[in-house]
N, C-alpha and C. Protein backbone atom coordinates (compact mmCIF):
# COMPACT_ATOMS: atom_id res chain seq x y z
N MET A 1 5.60 -7.32 -11.01
CA MET A 1 5.56 -8.52 -10.88
C MET A 1 4.28 -8.53 -9.33
N LYS A 2 2.88 -8.68 -9.44
CA LYS A 2 1.99 -8.62 -8.31
C LYS A 2 2.22 -8.79 -6.53
N GLN A 3 2.88 -10.68 -7.48
CA GLN A 3 3.53 -11.51 -6.21
C GLN A 3 4.65 -10.60 -5.00
N ILE A 4 4.74 -10.67 -6.08
CA ILE A 4 6.23 -9.77 -5.22
C ILE A 4 6.07 -8.11 -4.04
N ASP A 5 5.15 -7.42 -4.96
CA ASP A 5 4.86 -6.53 -4.09
C ASP A 5 4.24 -6.89 -3.17
N GLU A 6 3.50 -7.50 -2.99
CA GLU A 6 2.55 -8.34 -2.07
C GLU A 6 3.37 -8.50 -1.03
N CYS A 7 4.04 -9.75 -1.13
CA CYS A 7 4.94 -10.13 -0.29
C CYS A 7 5.98 -9.18 0.29
N LEU A 8 6.38 -8.10 -0.29
CA LEU A 8 7.87 -7.53 0.24
C LEU A 8 7.02 -6.40 1.17
N THR A 9 5.78 -5.71 0.22
CA THR A 9 5.16 -4.83 1.03
C THR A 9 4.62 -5.57 1.95
N ARG A 10 4.14 -6.35 2.44
CA ARG A 10 3.70 -7.85 3.95
C ARG A 10 4.62 -7.16 4.49
N GLU A 11 5.88 -7.93 4.59
CA GLU A 11 6.58 -8.12 5.04
C GLU A 11 7.81 -6.77 5.74
N PHE A 12 7.41 -5.71 4.71
CA PHE A 12 8.23 -4.42 5.24
C PHE A 12 6.79 -3.54 6.35
N SER A 13 5.76 -4.02 5.85
CA SER A 13 4.69 -3.10 7.19
C SER A 13 4.33 -4.29 8.27
N GLY A 14 5.35 -5.80 8.57
CA GLY A 14 5.35 -6.12 9.52
C GLY A 14 3.97 -7.39 9.53
N LYS A 15 3.22 -7.12 8.43
CA LYS A 15 2.37 -7.96 8.05
C LYS A 15 3.30 -9.62 7.83
N PRO A 16 2.18 -11.12 8.47
CA PRO A 16 2.98 -11.86 8.27
C PRO A 16 2.60 -12.19 7.05
N SER A 17 3.25 -13.00 6.84
CA SER A 17 3.58 -13.71 5.33
C SER A 17 2.59 -14.84 5.12
N LEU A 18 2.08 -14.70 3.97
CA LEU A 18 0.64 -15.63 3.20
C LEU A 18 1.94 -16.78 3.18
N LYS A 19 1.17 -18.05 2.90
CA LYS A 19 1.83 -19.08 2.81
C LYS A 19 1.44 -19.25 0.86
N ARG A 20 2.45 -18.84 0.47
CA ARG A 20 2.33 -18.42 -0.85
C ARG A 20 3.64 -18.78 -1.58
N LYS A 21 3.98 -18.90 -3.24
CA LYS A 21 4.99 -19.32 -4.13
C LYS A 21 6.58 -18.23 -3.66
N TRP A 22 6.29 -16.79 -3.06
CA TRP A 22 7.48 -16.13 -3.10
C TRP A 22 6.93 -15.96 -1.14
N ARG A 23 8.29 -15.88 -0.59
CA ARG A 23 8.09 -15.33 0.77
C ARG A 23 9.42 -14.98 1.59
N ALA A 24 8.62 -13.31 1.92
CA ALA A 24 9.96 -12.68 2.68
C ALA A 24 10.24 -12.72 3.69
N PHE A 25 11.08 -12.77 4.41
CA PHE A 25 11.49 -12.88 5.85
C PHE A 25 12.88 -11.35 6.30
N LEU A 26 12.30 -10.48 7.60
CA LEU A 26 13.68 -9.70 7.55
C LEU A 26 14.20 -9.99 8.75
N GLY A 27 15.35 -10.21 8.92
CA GLY A 27 16.07 -10.63 10.21
C GLY A 27 17.13 -9.89 10.36
N THR A 28 18.02 -9.80 11.23
CA THR A 28 19.60 -9.13 11.84
C THR A 28 20.49 -10.05 11.56
N ASN A 29 21.75 -10.01 10.75
CA ASN A 29 22.83 -10.37 11.11
C ASN A 29 23.72 -10.32 11.84
N PRO A 30 23.83 -11.88 12.77
CA PRO A 30 24.75 -11.01 14.00
C PRO A 30 25.92 -11.14 13.64
N LYS A 31 26.60 -11.30 12.52
CA LYS A 31 27.63 -10.66 12.52
C LYS A 31 28.41 -9.62 12.31
N THR A 32 27.11 -8.64 11.11
CA THR A 32 27.12 -7.24 11.40
C THR A 32 25.99 -6.55 12.03
N HIS A 33 25.05 -7.27 12.32
CA HIS A 33 24.10 -6.71 13.27
C HIS A 33 23.16 -5.45 11.84
N CYS A 34 23.41 -6.00 10.77
CA CYS A 34 22.49 -4.67 9.98
C CYS A 34 21.34 -6.05 9.45
N ARG A 35 20.43 -4.92 8.81
CA ARG A 35 18.82 -5.48 8.85
C ARG A 35 19.23 -6.29 7.47
N MET A 36 18.66 -7.39 7.02
CA MET A 36 18.53 -7.90 5.91
C MET A 36 17.34 -8.35 5.17
N LEU A 37 17.06 -8.90 4.16
CA LEU A 37 16.05 -9.04 3.82
C LEU A 37 16.01 -10.38 2.82
N LEU A 38 15.75 -11.32 3.08
CA LEU A 38 15.59 -12.42 2.37
C LEU A 38 14.47 -13.02 1.37
N LEU A 39 14.54 -13.88 0.42
CA LEU A 39 13.64 -13.90 -0.45
C LEU A 39 13.41 -14.92 -0.61
N TYR A 40 12.80 -15.95 -0.25
CA TYR A 40 12.32 -17.35 -1.36
C TYR A 40 11.49 -17.31 -2.35
N HIS A 41 11.63 -18.31 -3.14
CA HIS A 41 10.68 -18.81 -3.97
C HIS A 41 10.81 -20.07 -4.19
N TYR A 42 9.40 -20.78 -3.49
CA TYR A 42 9.33 -22.33 -2.73
C TYR A 42 10.15 -21.78 -1.83
N HIS A 43 11.27 -23.11 -1.60
CA HIS A 43 12.14 -22.95 -0.82
C HIS A 43 13.89 -22.72 -1.45
N HIS A 44 13.49 -21.69 -2.80
CA HIS A 44 14.64 -21.83 -3.02
C HIS A 44 15.34 -20.29 -2.29
N LEU A 45 16.30 -19.84 -1.56
CA LEU A 45 16.65 -18.62 -1.59
C LEU A 45 16.93 -17.86 -3.08
N ILE A 46 16.82 -17.03 -3.51
CA ILE A 46 16.80 -16.55 -4.32
C ILE A 46 17.87 -14.86 -4.39
N LEU A 47 17.15 -14.01 -2.88
CA LEU A 47 17.43 -12.87 -3.03
C LEU A 47 18.32 -12.69 -1.22
N ARG A 48 19.10 -12.50 -1.20
CA ARG A 48 19.51 -11.66 -0.03
C ARG A 48 19.85 -10.33 -0.25
N TYR A 49 19.58 -9.45 1.09
CA TYR A 49 19.69 -7.68 0.64
C TYR A 49 19.79 -7.40 1.67
N ASP A 50 20.94 -6.34 1.82
CA ASP A 50 21.37 -6.08 3.55
C ASP A 50 20.52 -4.65 2.95
N VAL A 51 19.27 -4.34 3.88
CA VAL A 51 18.74 -3.24 3.94
C VAL A 51 18.88 -1.77 4.41
N ASP A 52 19.95 -2.12 5.25
CA ASP A 52 20.58 -0.99 5.95
C ASP A 52 21.40 -0.05 5.14
N HIS A 53 21.82 -1.16 3.97
CA HIS A 53 23.59 -0.15 2.83
C HIS A 53 22.94 -0.53 1.47
N HIS A 54 21.81 -0.68 1.30
CA HIS A 54 20.78 -1.34 0.49
C HIS A 54 21.84 -1.72 -0.90
N THR A 55 21.83 -2.80 -0.47
CA THR A 55 23.07 -3.35 -1.43
C THR A 55 22.75 -5.04 -1.76
N VAL A 56 22.40 -5.84 -2.31
CA VAL A 56 22.73 -6.69 -2.91
C VAL A 56 23.20 -7.76 -2.63
N LEU A 57 23.68 -9.04 -1.59
CA LEU A 57 24.58 -9.61 -0.95
C LEU A 57 24.68 -11.07 -1.37
N TYR A 58 23.62 -10.92 -1.99
CA TYR A 58 23.75 -12.86 -2.62
C TYR A 58 22.31 -12.89 -3.48
N GLU A 59 22.23 -13.38 -4.29
CA GLU A 59 21.58 -13.87 -5.73
C GLU A 59 21.93 -15.38 -6.75
N TRP A 60 19.86 -15.52 -6.42
CA TRP A 60 20.82 -16.83 -8.10
C TRP A 60 18.66 -16.71 -8.51
N TRP A 61 18.99 -17.77 -9.51
CA TRP A 61 17.93 -18.21 -10.34
C TRP A 61 18.53 -19.20 -11.27
N GLU A 62 17.78 -20.35 -11.46
CA GLU A 62 17.31 -20.90 -12.01
C GLU A 62 16.11 -20.80 -12.92
N LYS A 63 15.41 -20.39 -13.34
CA LYS A 63 14.38 -21.19 -14.17
C LYS A 63 13.88 -19.46 -14.59
N PRO A 64 12.99 -18.92 -15.84
CA PRO A 64 12.66 -17.90 -16.06
C PRO A 64 11.14 -17.61 -14.70
N ALA A 65 10.93 -17.86 -14.16
CA ALA A 65 9.77 -17.53 -13.17
C ALA A 65 11.06 -16.61 -11.79
N ASP A 66 12.08 -17.66 -11.46
CA ASP A 66 12.73 -17.02 -10.77
C ASP A 66 13.53 -15.66 -10.88
N LYS A 67 14.02 -15.40 -12.13
CA LYS A 67 14.27 -14.15 -12.68
C LYS A 67 13.86 -13.07 -12.62
N ARG A 68 12.17 -13.58 -13.45
CA ARG A 68 11.16 -12.25 -13.24
C ARG A 68 11.06 -11.93 -11.40
N GLY A 69 10.93 -12.72 -10.68
CA GLY A 69 10.91 -12.44 -9.24
C GLY A 69 12.12 -11.56 -8.53
N LEU A 70 13.28 -12.06 -9.47
CA LEU A 70 14.43 -11.99 -8.52
C LEU A 70 14.84 -10.47 -9.31
N ASP A 71 14.45 -10.35 -10.73
CA ASP A 71 14.03 -8.69 -11.12
C ASP A 71 12.95 -7.80 -10.34
N SER A 72 12.65 -8.48 -10.36
CA SER A 72 11.12 -7.27 -9.50
C SER A 72 11.24 -6.76 -8.56
N ALA A 73 11.94 -7.40 -7.42
CA ALA A 73 11.87 -8.12 -6.19
C ALA A 73 13.53 -6.25 -5.79
N LYS A 74 14.26 -6.62 -7.41
CA LYS A 74 15.55 -5.79 -6.84
C LYS A 74 14.87 -4.08 -7.35
N GLU A 75 13.73 -4.17 -8.58
CA GLU A 75 12.66 -2.87 -8.87
C GLU A 75 12.24 -2.20 -7.19
N TRP A 76 11.41 -3.27 -6.88
CA TRP A 76 10.65 -2.84 -6.00
C TRP A 76 12.21 -2.14 -4.41
N LEU A 77 12.94 -3.35 -4.40
CA LEU A 77 13.51 -2.50 -3.89
C LEU A 77 14.71 -1.06 -3.45
N GLU A 78 15.02 -0.83 -5.25
CA GLU A 78 15.22 0.41 -5.62
C GLU A 78 14.64 1.68 -5.00
N GLU A 79 13.03 0.91 -6.19
CA GLU A 79 12.05 2.51 -5.34
C GLU A 79 12.17 2.48 -4.00
N ARG A 80 11.74 1.81 -3.56
CA ARG A 80 12.30 2.00 -1.93
C ARG A 80 12.67 2.43 -1.31
N ARG A 81 14.71 2.65 -1.67
CA ARG A 81 15.29 3.12 -1.12
C ARG A 81 15.50 4.92 -1.74
N ARG A 82 14.44 4.90 -3.37
CA ARG A 82 14.65 6.44 -3.78
C ARG A 82 13.39 7.03 -2.72
N LYS A 83 12.44 6.23 -1.99
CA LYS A 83 11.44 7.27 -1.34
C LYS A 83 11.94 7.47 -0.36
N LEU A 84 12.98 6.73 0.75
CA LEU A 84 13.64 6.18 1.79
C LEU A 84 14.71 8.03 1.66
N GLU A 85 15.28 8.23 0.49
CA GLU A 85 15.67 9.48 0.26
C GLU A 85 15.33 10.57 -0.04
N GLU A 86 14.67 10.37 -1.10
CA GLU A 86 13.01 11.73 -0.80
C GLU A 86 12.72 12.22 0.28
N LYS A 87 12.54 11.53 1.43
CA LYS A 87 12.08 11.52 2.64
C LYS A 87 13.30 12.24 3.38
N GLN A 88 14.29 12.04 3.29
CA GLN A 88 15.64 12.67 4.19
C GLN A 88 15.74 14.38 3.75
N GLU A 89 15.25 13.78 2.78
CA GLU A 89 15.92 15.55 2.07
C GLU A 89 14.99 16.55 2.53
């Protein structure tokens, strides 16, 4: 999904988010000190993802557009994880 690709690529490269339907935010969990990604569709939190451990902490969807975006984001994050692992080898 092009919107998700653009949204996550901008966030991970440190560029500011565009004011669109999908928005992503990288931050640090104050309890665990792990980096987290939050993905929103409009004002709904769709995905909470632990960037350091590559695990989904929370996911939610209600409408088909939410589900398509969630699936696309999980695929994008899995591909990013694979690329990082290949670089380390």
